[in-house]
N, C-alpha and C. Protein backbone atom coordinates (compact mmCIF):
# COMPACT_ATOMS: atom_id res chain seq x y z
N GLY A 1 -40.15 -31.00 19.93
CA GLY A 1 -39.25 -30.29 19.17
C GLY A 1 -39.08 -29.16 19.24
N ALA A 2 -40.52 -28.31 18.55
CA ALA A 2 -40.09 -26.78 18.75
C ALA A 2 -40.43 -25.86 20.09
N ALA A 3 -41.80 -26.73 20.28
CA ALA A 3 -42.15 -26.09 21.67
C ALA A 3 -40.97 -26.02 22.86
N TRP A 4 -40.00 -27.62 23.20
CA TRP A 4 -39.44 -27.61 24.12
C TRP A 4 -38.02 -26.67 23.87
N LEU A 5 -38.32 -26.57 23.06
CA LEU A 5 -36.58 -26.02 22.35
C LEU A 5 -37.31 -24.08 22.97
N TYR A 6 -38.73 -23.46 22.44
CA TYR A 6 -38.52 -22.75 22.73
C TYR A 6 -39.20 -22.70 24.50
N LEU A 7 -39.58 -23.30 25.36
CA LEU A 7 -39.93 -23.83 26.62
C LEU A 7 -38.77 -22.97 27.41
N ARG A 8 -37.28 -24.35 26.32
CA ARG A 8 -35.90 -23.71 27.18
C ARG A 8 -35.38 -22.59 27.24
N GLU A 9 -35.32 -21.55 26.14
CA GLU A 9 -35.06 -20.88 25.29
C GLU A 9 -35.37 -20.06 26.51
N GLU A 10 -37.19 -19.46 26.91
CA GLU A 10 -37.51 -19.08 27.83
C GLU A 10 -37.14 -18.93 29.03
N LYS A 11 -37.13 -19.98 29.35
CA LYS A 11 -36.51 -20.54 31.11
C LYS A 11 -35.16 -20.16 31.43
N GLU A 12 -34.02 -19.80 29.79
CA GLU A 12 -33.29 -18.84 30.17
C GLU A 12 -32.96 -17.64 30.40
N ARG A 13 -33.85 -17.38 29.42
CA ARG A 13 -34.25 -15.76 29.19
C ARG A 13 -34.56 -15.09 30.59
N ARG A 14 -35.71 -15.82 31.60
CA ARG A 14 -35.58 -15.97 32.87
C ARG A 14 -35.26 -15.69 33.47
N ARG A 15 -33.79 -17.17 33.86
CA ARG A 15 -33.30 -16.61 34.06
C ARG A 15 -32.16 -15.31 34.14
N ARG A 16 -31.59 -15.30 32.85
CA ARG A 16 -30.62 -13.77 32.84
C ARG A 16 -31.42 -12.56 33.50
N ALA A 17 -32.78 -12.54 33.11
CA ALA A 17 -33.19 -11.64 34.15
C ALA A 17 -33.46 -11.19 35.24
N ARG A 18 -33.45 -12.49 35.84
CA ARG A 18 -33.90 -12.55 36.93
C ARG A 18 -32.18 -12.20 37.41
N ARG A 19 -30.98 -12.44 37.24
CA ARG A 19 -29.43 -12.85 37.45
C ARG A 19 -29.26 -11.23 37.34
N ARG A 20 -29.81 -10.36 36.11
CA ARG A 20 -29.57 -8.72 35.89
C ARG A 20 -30.25 -8.14 37.08
N ALA A 21 -31.54 -8.30 37.75
CA ALA A 21 -32.14 -7.85 38.10
C ALA A 21 -31.64 -7.46 39.17
N GLU A 22 -30.89 -9.11 40.09
CA GLU A 22 -29.95 -8.93 41.19
C GLU A 22 -28.96 -8.21 41.23
N LEU A 23 -27.92 -8.57 40.22
CA LEU A 23 -26.39 -7.71 39.80
C LEU A 23 -27.11 -6.22 39.82
N ARG A 24 -28.01 -5.26 39.06
CA ARG A 24 -28.35 -4.36 39.12
C ARG A 24 -28.53 -3.62 40.60
N ALA A 25 -29.13 -4.23 41.32
CA ALA A 25 -29.29 -4.23 42.95
C ALA A 25 -28.66 -4.10 43.61
N LEU A 26 -27.63 -5.16 43.07
CA LEU A 26 -26.37 -5.27 43.90
C LEU A 26 -25.41 -3.78 43.46
N ALA A 27 -25.06 -3.30 42.27
CA ALA A 27 -24.52 -2.70 41.43
C ALA A 27 -23.35 -2.25 41.88
N LEU A 28 -22.83 -3.56 42.14
CA LEU A 28 -21.42 -3.67 43.03
C LEU A 28 -19.61 -3.27 41.54
N GLY A 29 -19.00 -2.28 42.45
CA GLY A 29 -18.37 -1.95 41.57
C GLY A 29 -18.19 0.19 41.16
N ARG A 30 -19.74 0.52 41.74
CA ARG A 30 -20.11 2.06 41.48
C ARG A 30 -18.14 2.32 41.80
N GLY A 31 -17.64 2.60 43.22
CA GLY A 31 -16.78 3.42 43.44
C GLY A 31 -15.93 3.42 42.23
N ASP A 32 -14.30 4.67 42.10
CA ASP A 32 -13.83 4.31 41.54
C ASP A 32 -12.42 4.85 42.73
N PHE A 33 -11.62 3.72 42.32
CA PHE A 33 -10.34 3.34 42.99
C PHE A 33 -9.74 4.28 42.43
N GLN A 34 -8.04 4.37 43.53
CA GLN A 34 -7.39 5.61 43.08
C GLN A 34 -6.00 4.34 43.43
N LEU A 35 -5.50 3.84 42.51
CA LEU A 35 -3.90 2.67 43.16
C LEU A 35 -3.15 3.09 42.24
N LEU A 36 -2.27 2.70 42.57
CA LEU A 36 -1.14 2.40 41.94
C LEU A 36 -0.78 1.42 41.21
N ASP A 37 -0.15 0.80 40.12
CA ASP A 37 0.01 0.03 39.60
C ASP A 37 1.71 -0.52 39.53
N GLN A 38 2.32 -1.06 38.97
CA GLN A 38 3.31 -2.01 39.28
C GLN A 38 4.50 -1.32 39.05
N ALA A 39 4.32 -0.09 38.22
CA ALA A 39 5.51 0.71 37.88
C ALA A 39 5.39 2.12 37.65
N GLY A 40 4.14 2.38 38.73
CA GLY A 40 4.29 3.58 39.76
C GLY A 40 3.18 4.67 39.81
N ARG A 41 2.56 4.13 38.14
CA ARG A 41 1.97 5.49 37.62
C ARG A 41 0.43 4.64 38.27
N ARG A 42 -0.07 6.20 38.76
CA ARG A 42 -1.61 5.87 39.32
C ARG A 42 -2.57 5.59 38.38
N ARG A 43 -3.48 4.93 38.74
CA ARG A 43 -4.90 4.21 38.14
C ARG A 43 -6.28 4.27 38.39
N ARG A 44 -7.08 4.34 37.79
CA ARG A 44 -8.64 5.10 38.53
C ARG A 44 -9.14 3.75 37.75
N LYS A 45 -10.84 3.04 38.46
CA LYS A 45 -11.30 2.76 37.67
C LYS A 45 -11.72 2.84 36.53
N ALA A 46 -12.29 4.46 36.33
CA ALA A 46 -12.13 5.08 35.36
C ALA A 46 -11.56 4.77 34.47
N ASP A 47 -10.13 4.38 34.77
CA ASP A 47 -8.82 4.08 32.94
C ASP A 47 -9.67 2.64 32.62
N PHE A 48 -10.69 2.30 33.03
CA PHE A 48 -10.43 0.61 32.19
C PHE A 48 -11.81 0.58 32.25
N ALA A 49 -12.54 2.02 31.81
CA ALA A 49 -14.31 2.15 31.43
C ALA A 49 -14.20 1.35 29.66
N GLY A 50 -15.16 0.86 29.14
CA GLY A 50 -15.23 0.79 28.02
C GLY A 50 -14.68 -0.69 28.11
N GLN A 51 -13.86 -1.16 28.58
CA GLN A 51 -12.86 -2.64 28.61
C GLN A 51 -13.88 -3.64 29.75
N TRP A 52 -13.41 -4.72 29.05
CA TRP A 52 -13.31 -6.07 29.84
C TRP A 52 -12.63 -6.41 30.83
N VAL A 53 -13.32 -6.75 32.36
CA VAL A 53 -11.98 -6.96 33.55
C VAL A 53 -12.06 -8.23 34.23
N LEU A 54 -11.17 -9.21 34.41
CA LEU A 54 -11.39 -9.52 35.24
C LEU A 54 -10.03 -9.13 36.40
N LEU A 55 -11.12 -9.36 37.52
CA LEU A 55 -10.30 -9.08 38.40
C LEU A 55 -10.41 -10.19 39.81
N TYR A 56 -8.80 -9.89 40.34
CA TYR A 56 -8.91 -10.33 41.72
C TYR A 56 -8.13 -10.01 43.03
N PHE A 57 -8.19 -9.98 44.16
CA PHE A 57 -7.74 -9.05 45.22
C PHE A 57 -7.65 -10.31 45.80
N GLY A 58 -5.74 -10.20 46.48
CA GLY A 58 -4.68 -11.32 46.66
C GLY A 58 -3.90 -10.64 47.75
N PHE A 59 -3.04 -11.35 48.11
CA PHE A 59 -1.50 -10.98 48.24
C PHE A 59 0.13 -11.29 47.73
N THR A 60 0.54 -10.22 47.60
CA THR A 60 2.37 -11.58 47.11
C THR A 60 2.59 -12.51 48.00
N ARG A 61 2.69 -12.76 49.17
CA ARG A 61 2.87 -13.72 49.74
C ARG A 61 2.21 -14.58 50.11
N CYS A 62 1.15 -14.92 49.12
CA CYS A 62 -0.36 -16.05 49.44
C CYS A 62 0.66 -16.86 49.02
N PRO A 63 0.88 -18.37 49.98
CA PRO A 63 1.74 -19.34 49.29
C PRO A 63 1.19 -20.39 48.36
N ASP A 64 -0.18 -20.39 48.00
CA ASP A 64 -1.08 -20.62 46.85
C ASP A 64 -2.67 -20.55 46.29
N VAL A 65 -3.09 -20.07 47.39
CA VAL A 65 -4.88 -19.42 46.83
C VAL A 65 -4.18 -19.18 45.79
N CYS A 66 -3.77 -17.39 45.76
CA CYS A 66 -3.85 -16.24 45.20
C CYS A 66 -2.69 -17.03 44.24
N PRO A 67 -1.87 -17.15 44.27
CA PRO A 67 -0.84 -17.68 42.69
C PRO A 67 -1.80 -18.48 41.71
N ALA A 68 -2.71 -19.59 42.41
CA ALA A 68 -3.34 -20.37 41.64
C ALA A 68 -4.64 -20.03 41.37
N ALA A 69 -4.83 -18.19 41.86
CA ALA A 69 -6.42 -17.75 41.15
C ALA A 69 -5.71 -17.27 39.75
N LEU A 70 -5.02 -16.59 39.98
CA LEU A 70 -4.20 -15.83 39.28
C LEU A 70 -3.64 -16.71 37.82
N GLU A 71 -3.47 -18.28 37.91
CA GLU A 71 -3.06 -18.14 37.32
C GLU A 71 -4.13 -19.14 35.70
N LYS A 72 -4.98 -19.22 37.13
CA LYS A 72 -6.07 -19.56 36.03
C LYS A 72 -6.83 -18.14 35.13
N LEU A 73 -6.79 -16.96 35.88
CA LEU A 73 -6.93 -15.99 35.60
C LEU A 73 -6.66 -15.25 33.75
N SER A 74 -5.32 -15.44 34.56
CA SER A 74 -4.06 -15.62 33.08
C SER A 74 -4.70 -16.76 32.34
N ARG A 75 -5.02 -18.11 32.51
CA ARG A 75 -5.20 -18.74 31.32
C ARG A 75 -6.26 -18.23 30.74
N ALA A 76 -7.59 -18.10 31.17
CA ALA A 76 -9.08 -17.51 31.29
C ALA A 76 -8.79 -16.26 29.86
N VAL A 77 -7.86 -15.24 30.64
CA VAL A 77 -7.87 -14.84 28.97
C VAL A 77 -7.20 -14.60 28.36
N ALA A 78 -5.95 -15.57 28.41
CA ALA A 78 -4.97 -16.17 26.79
C ALA A 78 -5.93 -17.37 26.42
N LEU A 79 -6.55 -18.00 26.83
CA LEU A 79 -7.61 -18.68 25.87
C LEU A 79 -8.84 -17.81 25.21
N LEU A 80 -9.22 -16.28 25.99
CA LEU A 80 -10.09 -15.13 25.11
C LEU A 80 -9.22 -14.85 24.26
N GLU A 81 -7.76 -14.30 24.15
CA GLU A 81 -7.50 -13.70 23.35
C GLU A 81 -7.22 -14.66 22.00
N ARG A 82 -6.92 -15.58 22.28
CA ARG A 82 -7.04 -17.04 20.97
C ARG A 82 -8.79 -16.96 20.21
N GLU A 83 -9.41 -16.01 20.45
CA GLU A 83 -10.60 -16.30 20.38
C GLU A 83 -10.80 -14.84 18.69
N PRO A 84 -10.78 -15.18 17.91
CA PRO A 84 -10.98 -14.19 17.32
C PRO A 84 -12.33 -13.23 17.09
N GLY A 85 -12.38 -11.53 16.94
CA GLY A 85 -13.16 -10.50 17.26
C GLY A 85 -14.38 -10.34 18.67
N LEU A 86 -13.12 -10.91 19.87
CA LEU A 86 -13.42 -10.90 21.00
C LEU A 86 -12.69 -9.62 21.38
N PRO A 87 -13.45 -8.76 21.85
CA PRO A 87 -12.60 -7.66 22.31
C PRO A 87 -11.36 -8.23 23.70
N PRO A 88 -10.50 -7.50 24.28
CA PRO A 88 -9.52 -7.70 24.89
C PRO A 88 -10.36 -7.19 26.60
N VAL A 89 -9.32 -8.28 27.21
CA VAL A 89 -9.78 -8.55 28.70
C VAL A 89 -8.64 -8.19 29.10
N GLN A 90 -8.89 -6.59 30.36
CA GLN A 90 -7.85 -6.56 30.66
C GLN A 90 -7.57 -7.10 32.38
N PRO A 91 -6.66 -8.07 32.55
CA PRO A 91 -6.15 -8.89 33.86
C PRO A 91 -5.94 -7.91 35.06
N LEU A 92 -6.30 -7.59 35.97
CA LEU A 92 -6.22 -6.99 37.17
C LEU A 92 -6.15 -7.98 38.36
N PHE A 93 -5.11 -7.44 39.51
CA PHE A 93 -4.71 -7.49 40.43
C PHE A 93 -4.38 -6.77 41.49
N ILE A 94 -5.25 -6.47 42.54
CA ILE A 94 -5.71 -5.77 43.19
C ILE A 94 -4.62 -6.21 45.06
N THR A 95 -4.10 -5.82 45.72
CA THR A 95 -3.56 -6.39 46.83
C THR A 95 -4.71 -6.12 47.88
N VAL A 96 -4.61 -6.90 49.12
CA VAL A 96 -5.49 -6.83 50.21
C VAL A 96 -3.99 -6.25 51.58
N ASP A 97 -2.83 -6.78 51.42
CA ASP A 97 -2.27 -6.42 52.01
C ASP A 97 -1.04 -5.53 51.94
N PRO A 98 -1.30 -4.15 51.37
CA PRO A 98 -0.99 -2.63 51.40
C PRO A 98 0.46 -3.18 51.75
N GLN A 99 0.44 -2.79 53.39
CA GLN A 99 1.61 -2.95 54.26
C GLN A 99 2.79 -3.17 53.67
N ARG A 100 2.64 -4.78 52.74
CA ARG A 100 3.78 -5.76 52.84
C ARG A 100 4.29 -4.70 51.23
N ASP A 101 2.93 -5.09 50.24
CA ASP A 101 2.73 -5.67 48.80
C ASP A 101 2.53 -4.16 47.85
N ASP A 102 4.13 -3.25 48.27
CA ASP A 102 4.00 -2.06 47.29
C ASP A 102 4.46 -2.27 45.79
N VAL A 103 4.43 -1.15 45.25
CA VAL A 103 5.13 -0.98 43.74
C VAL A 103 6.01 -2.13 43.74
N ALA A 104 7.01 -2.14 44.28
CA ALA A 104 8.82 -2.98 44.19
C ALA A 104 7.61 -4.21 44.29
N ALA A 105 6.91 -4.44 44.99
CA ALA A 105 6.60 -6.31 45.48
C ALA A 105 5.50 -6.72 44.21
N MET A 106 4.76 -5.65 43.90
CA MET A 106 3.67 -6.22 43.01
C MET A 106 4.64 -6.21 41.68
N ALA A 107 5.55 -5.49 41.06
CA ALA A 107 5.94 -5.67 39.87
C ALA A 107 6.79 -7.01 40.05
N ARG A 108 7.69 -7.25 40.81
CA ARG A 108 8.32 -8.70 40.75
C ARG A 108 7.30 -9.75 40.94
N TYR A 109 6.30 -9.93 42.03
CA TYR A 109 4.62 -10.69 41.34
C TYR A 109 4.29 -11.03 39.98
N VAL A 110 3.57 -9.73 39.78
CA VAL A 110 2.78 -10.44 38.38
C VAL A 110 3.71 -10.42 36.91
N ARG A 111 5.04 -10.60 37.28
CA ARG A 111 5.06 -10.98 36.14
C ARG A 111 5.52 -12.17 35.84
N ASP A 112 5.34 -12.89 36.93
CA ASP A 112 5.19 -14.92 36.46
C ASP A 112 3.62 -15.03 35.98
N PHE A 113 2.95 -14.10 35.57
CA PHE A 113 1.50 -14.80 35.54
C PHE A 113 1.43 -13.71 34.02
N HIS A 114 -0.06 -13.18 33.02
CA HIS A 114 -0.70 -12.75 31.87
C HIS A 114 0.98 -11.64 31.56
N PRO A 115 0.99 -11.27 30.85
CA PRO A 115 2.06 -10.13 30.32
C PRO A 115 1.43 -9.34 30.49
N ARG A 116 -0.23 -8.80 29.89
CA ARG A 116 -0.67 -7.51 30.50
C ARG A 116 -1.00 -7.59 31.79
N LEU A 117 -1.05 -7.94 32.95
CA LEU A 117 -1.95 -8.11 34.29
C LEU A 117 -1.52 -7.08 34.67
N LEU A 118 -1.88 -5.63 35.92
CA LEU A 118 -1.86 -4.97 35.85
C LEU A 118 -2.12 -5.66 38.09
N GLY A 119 -0.92 -5.01 38.18
CA GLY A 119 -0.98 -5.11 39.75
C GLY A 119 -0.92 -3.81 40.94
N LEU A 120 -1.83 -3.59 41.16
CA LEU A 120 -2.03 -2.19 41.86
C LEU A 120 -2.44 -2.64 43.62
N THR A 121 -1.78 -1.53 44.25
CA THR A 121 -1.67 -1.32 45.46
C THR A 121 -1.76 0.20 45.49
N GLY A 122 -2.12 0.27 47.47
CA GLY A 122 -1.83 1.97 47.42
C GLY A 122 -1.98 1.86 49.14
N SER A 123 -2.31 3.16 49.63
CA SER A 123 -2.96 3.08 51.15
C SER A 123 -3.73 2.36 51.68
N PRO A 124 -3.34 1.78 52.54
CA PRO A 124 -4.25 0.30 53.52
C PRO A 124 -6.00 1.40 53.29
N GLU A 125 -6.04 2.45 53.68
CA GLU A 125 -7.41 2.89 52.97
C GLU A 125 -7.95 2.95 51.50
N GLU A 126 -7.04 3.31 50.92
CA GLU A 126 -7.09 3.19 49.10
C GLU A 126 -7.58 1.19 48.87
N VAL A 127 -6.91 1.14 49.66
CA VAL A 127 -6.83 -0.21 48.75
C VAL A 127 -8.14 -0.90 49.59
N ARG A 128 -8.65 -0.36 51.11
CA ARG A 128 -9.53 -0.93 51.24
C ARG A 128 -11.05 -0.31 50.80
N ALA A 129 -10.65 0.82 50.16
CA ALA A 129 -12.38 1.52 49.90
C ALA A 129 -12.59 0.50 47.94
N ALA A 130 -11.44 -0.21 47.92
CA ALA A 130 -11.31 -0.89 46.38
C ALA A 130 -12.33 -1.56 46.69
N GLY A 131 -11.82 -2.31 47.75
CA GLY A 131 -12.12 -3.77 47.80
C GLY A 131 -13.96 -3.70 48.47
N GLY A 132 -14.33 -2.28 49.22
CA GLY A 132 -15.39 -2.48 50.02
C GLY A 132 -16.47 -2.59 48.82
N ASP A 133 -15.72 -1.55 47.65
CA ASP A 133 -16.71 -1.54 46.86
C ASP A 133 -16.84 -3.22 45.90
N TYR A 134 -16.62 -3.56 46.06
CA TYR A 134 -16.55 -5.32 45.55
C TYR A 134 -17.00 -6.54 46.88
N ARG A 135 -17.31 -5.68 48.45
CA ARG A 135 -17.40 -6.10 48.77
C ARG A 135 -16.42 -7.13 49.37
N VAL A 136 -15.20 -7.16 49.27
CA VAL A 136 -13.90 -7.79 49.72
C VAL A 136 -14.07 -8.32 51.07
N TYR A 137 -13.86 -9.63 51.67
CA TYR A 137 -13.33 -9.54 52.15
C TYR A 137 -11.61 -10.14 52.86
N ALA A 138 -10.94 -9.49 54.01
CA ALA A 138 -9.58 -9.54 53.92
C ALA A 138 -9.14 -8.87 55.71
N SER A 139 -8.78 -10.45 56.20
CA SER A 139 -8.05 -10.17 57.81
C SER A 139 -7.09 -10.60 57.28
N ALA A 140 -5.67 -9.56 57.97
CA ALA A 140 -4.43 -10.09 58.27
C ALA A 140 -4.59 -11.09 59.86
N GLY A 141 -4.08 -12.58 59.60
CA GLY A 141 -3.70 -14.05 60.42
C GLY A 141 -3.09 -12.94 61.64
N PRO A 142 -2.48 -13.61 62.37
CA PRO A 142 -1.96 -13.59 63.60
C PRO A 142 -0.60 -13.91 63.05
N ARG A 143 0.15 -12.48 63.54
CA ARG A 143 1.84 -12.23 63.28
C ARG A 143 2.67 -14.00 63.58
N ASP A 144 3.08 -14.66 63.18
CA ASP A 144 4.33 -15.26 63.67
C ASP A 144 5.69 -14.94 64.55
N GLU A 145 6.59 -15.76 64.34
CA GLU A 145 7.99 -15.69 65.80
C GLU A 145 8.63 -14.13 64.85
N ASP A 146 8.38 -14.57 63.32
CA ASP A 146 9.38 -13.63 62.81
C ASP A 146 8.65 -12.76 61.54
N GLY A 147 7.64 -12.39 62.43
CA GLY A 147 6.67 -10.71 62.41
C GLY A 147 5.65 -11.72 60.74
N ASP A 148 6.10 -12.86 60.55
CA ASP A 148 4.95 -12.95 58.87
C ASP A 148 4.02 -13.37 59.46
N TYR A 149 2.94 -13.01 58.25
CA TYR A 149 1.40 -12.98 58.59
C TYR A 149 0.98 -13.70 57.42
N LEU A 150 -0.41 -14.34 57.36
CA LEU A 150 -1.24 -14.60 56.49
C LEU A 150 -1.74 -13.92 56.13
N VAL A 151 -3.53 -13.57 54.90
CA VAL A 151 -4.22 -12.64 55.25
C VAL A 151 -4.94 -13.63 54.53
N ASP A 152 -6.81 -13.72 55.64
CA ASP A 152 -7.49 -14.12 54.85
C ASP A 152 -8.51 -13.64 54.58
N HIS A 153 -8.68 -13.89 52.90
CA HIS A 153 -9.68 -13.08 52.14
C HIS A 153 -10.78 -14.26 51.33
N SER A 154 -11.19 -13.33 50.20
CA SER A 154 -12.44 -13.28 49.51
C SER A 154 -11.79 -14.47 48.29
N VAL A 155 -12.05 -15.30 47.92
CA VAL A 155 -11.36 -15.95 46.78
C VAL A 155 -11.84 -15.98 45.51
N LEU A 156 -12.52 -14.85 45.21
CA LEU A 156 -13.04 -14.91 43.87
C LEU A 156 -12.55 -13.87 42.73
N LEU A 157 -12.84 -14.29 41.37
CA LEU A 157 -12.81 -13.52 40.46
C LEU A 157 -13.96 -12.87 39.97
N TYR A 158 -13.12 -11.52 39.54
CA TYR A 158 -14.54 -10.94 39.01
C TYR A 158 -14.31 -10.31 37.87
N LEU A 159 -15.59 -10.49 36.59
CA LEU A 159 -16.43 -9.91 35.60
C LEU A 159 -16.64 -8.65 36.37
N LEU A 160 -15.92 -7.71 34.97
CA LEU A 160 -16.83 -6.74 34.94
C LEU A 160 -16.36 -6.26 33.33
N GLY A 161 -18.04 -6.11 33.13
CA GLY A 161 -18.72 -5.69 32.14
C GLY A 161 -17.90 -3.88 31.29
N PRO A 162 -18.26 -3.62 30.40
CA PRO A 162 -17.45 -1.81 30.00
C PRO A 162 -18.21 -1.25 30.54
N ASP A 163 -19.22 -1.05 31.90
CA ASP A 163 -19.37 0.10 32.28
C ASP A 163 -18.85 0.31 33.32
N GLY A 164 -18.07 -1.01 33.99
CA GLY A 164 -17.47 -0.87 34.73
C GLY A 164 -18.26 -2.09 36.57
N LEU A 165 -18.90 -2.20 35.97
CA LEU A 165 -20.43 -3.15 37.69
C LEU A 165 -19.63 -4.26 36.92
N LEU A 166 -19.61 -5.03 38.06
CA LEU A 166 -20.02 -6.36 38.19
C LEU A 166 -20.60 -7.42 37.32
N LEU A 167 -20.29 -8.42 36.71
CA LEU A 167 -21.41 -9.03 35.63
C LEU A 167 -21.39 -10.40 36.05
N ASP A 168 -20.52 -11.09 36.51
CA ASP A 168 -20.26 -12.05 37.57
C ASP A 168 -19.51 -12.02 38.24
N CYS A 169 -19.49 -13.50 39.19
CA CYS A 169 -18.52 -13.78 39.95
C CYS A 169 -17.91 -15.35 40.13
N TYR A 170 -16.41 -15.23 39.81
CA TYR A 170 -15.88 -16.98 39.91
C TYR A 170 -15.93 -17.71 41.14
N GLY A 171 -15.74 -18.70 41.88
CA GLY A 171 -14.74 -18.90 42.74
C GLY A 171 -14.08 -20.40 42.32
N PRO A 172 -13.66 -20.72 43.23
CA PRO A 172 -12.32 -21.62 43.16
C PRO A 172 -12.52 -22.96 42.18
N ALA A 173 -13.75 -23.76 42.34
CA ALA A 173 -14.31 -24.76 41.73
C ALA A 173 -14.21 -24.22 40.41
N LYS A 174 -14.35 -23.14 39.30
CA LYS A 174 -14.64 -23.01 38.25
C LYS A 174 -12.87 -23.02 37.69
N THR A 175 -13.26 -23.50 36.42
CA THR A 175 -11.93 -23.74 35.32
C THR A 175 -11.57 -22.70 34.62
N ALA A 176 -10.16 -22.55 34.14
CA ALA A 176 -9.64 -21.45 33.11
C ALA A 176 -10.94 -21.51 31.99
N PRO A 177 -11.43 -22.88 31.09
CA PRO A 177 -11.78 -22.66 30.42
C PRO A 177 -14.11 -22.50 30.47
N GLN A 178 -14.01 -22.67 31.68
CA GLN A 178 -15.47 -22.58 32.48
C GLN A 178 -15.30 -20.59 32.31
N ILE A 179 -14.25 -20.03 32.95
CA ILE A 179 -14.25 -19.22 32.78
C ILE A 179 -15.05 -17.98 31.11
N ALA A 180 -13.73 -18.52 30.53
CA ALA A 180 -13.52 -18.19 29.44
C ALA A 180 -15.16 -18.56 28.43
N ARG A 181 -15.26 -19.29 29.01
CA ARG A 181 -16.88 -19.30 27.84
C ARG A 181 -18.12 -18.20 28.71
N SER A 182 -17.76 -18.42 30.09
CA SER A 182 -18.44 -17.57 30.65
C SER A 182 -18.47 -15.73 29.99
N VAL A 183 -16.98 -15.79 30.11
CA VAL A 183 -17.40 -14.34 29.81
C VAL A 183 -17.59 -14.17 28.50
N ARG A 184 -17.06 -15.30 27.52
CA ARG A 184 -17.78 -14.60 26.23
C ARG A 184 -19.33 -14.56 25.83
N ARG A 185 -19.77 -15.49 26.80
CA ARG A 185 -21.27 -14.99 26.95
C ARG A 185 -21.77 -13.87 27.30
N HIS A 186 -21.32 -13.32 28.29
CA HIS A 186 -21.26 -11.91 28.73
C HIS A 186 -21.15 -11.55 27.76
N MET A 187 -19.74 -11.29 26.59
CA MET A 187 -19.60 -10.68 25.50
C MET A 187 -20.69 -10.37 24.75
N GLU A 188 -21.17 -11.79 24.63
CA GLU A 188 -22.48 -11.71 23.57
C GLU A 188 -23.66 -11.37 23.70
N THR A 189 -24.22 -11.12 25.00
CA THR A 189 -25.58 -11.12 25.31
C THR A 189 -25.25 -9.70 26.06
N TYR A 190 -24.18 -8.87 26.10
CA TYR A 190 -23.59 -7.62 26.81
C TYR A 190 -25.07 -6.51 27.01
N ARG A 191 -25.56 -5.77 28.57
CA ARG A 191 -26.45 -4.85 27.88
C ARG A 191 -25.92 -3.90 29.18
N PRO A 192 -25.73 -2.38 28.90
CA PRO A 192 -25.56 -2.06 30.41
C PRO A 192 -26.60 -2.55 32.22
N LEU A 193 -25.89 -2.71 32.49
CA LEU A 193 -26.80 -2.34 34.10
C LEU A 193 -27.75 -1.74 34.10
N LEU A 194 -26.92 -0.45 34.63
CA LEU A 194 -27.41 -0.03 34.63
C LEU A 194 -27.97 1.04 33.47
N ASP A 195 -29.35 1.18 33.32
CA ASP A 195 -29.88 1.81 31.88
C ASP A 195 -29.31 3.91 32.10
């Protein structure tokens, strides 16, 4: 009974400590992006200091993966909003296709998802720098006869803690309820990565 519970808790504590050490070594998200939101306001990563953030990199002309990921992100945020006492989570979407995803395109696109979702864009250099802080892969594919193209890119949702650093990431197999449970667990056990 008690010995088994102690061993189980100790194993979980060690797993969390290992994960924390790995994340501290990576310390992804140390940079401070400067991008424009869907209203044309300049936003810096520092604007979100002290907040929990769920972040996704994608593009507005993505036929299926990005809308599915943003819908999942929106559902996870909505599930967390229903839990009294939890701090709010800011949903963010950063384009990987700044040539086509200008402020107006982002405004049209994000309105189909969570009402607080911010869509961020900027120059190709600004967008590339923001993605680089999270090791985001993005590569425009070949153009078709109409000049249209798809962008191959990383498909992860990133959880940033109040210190702005990556705490966790979620692949396509994770459901919105699983993501919400994970975020809640991180909120309950949060300690800044860099002391």
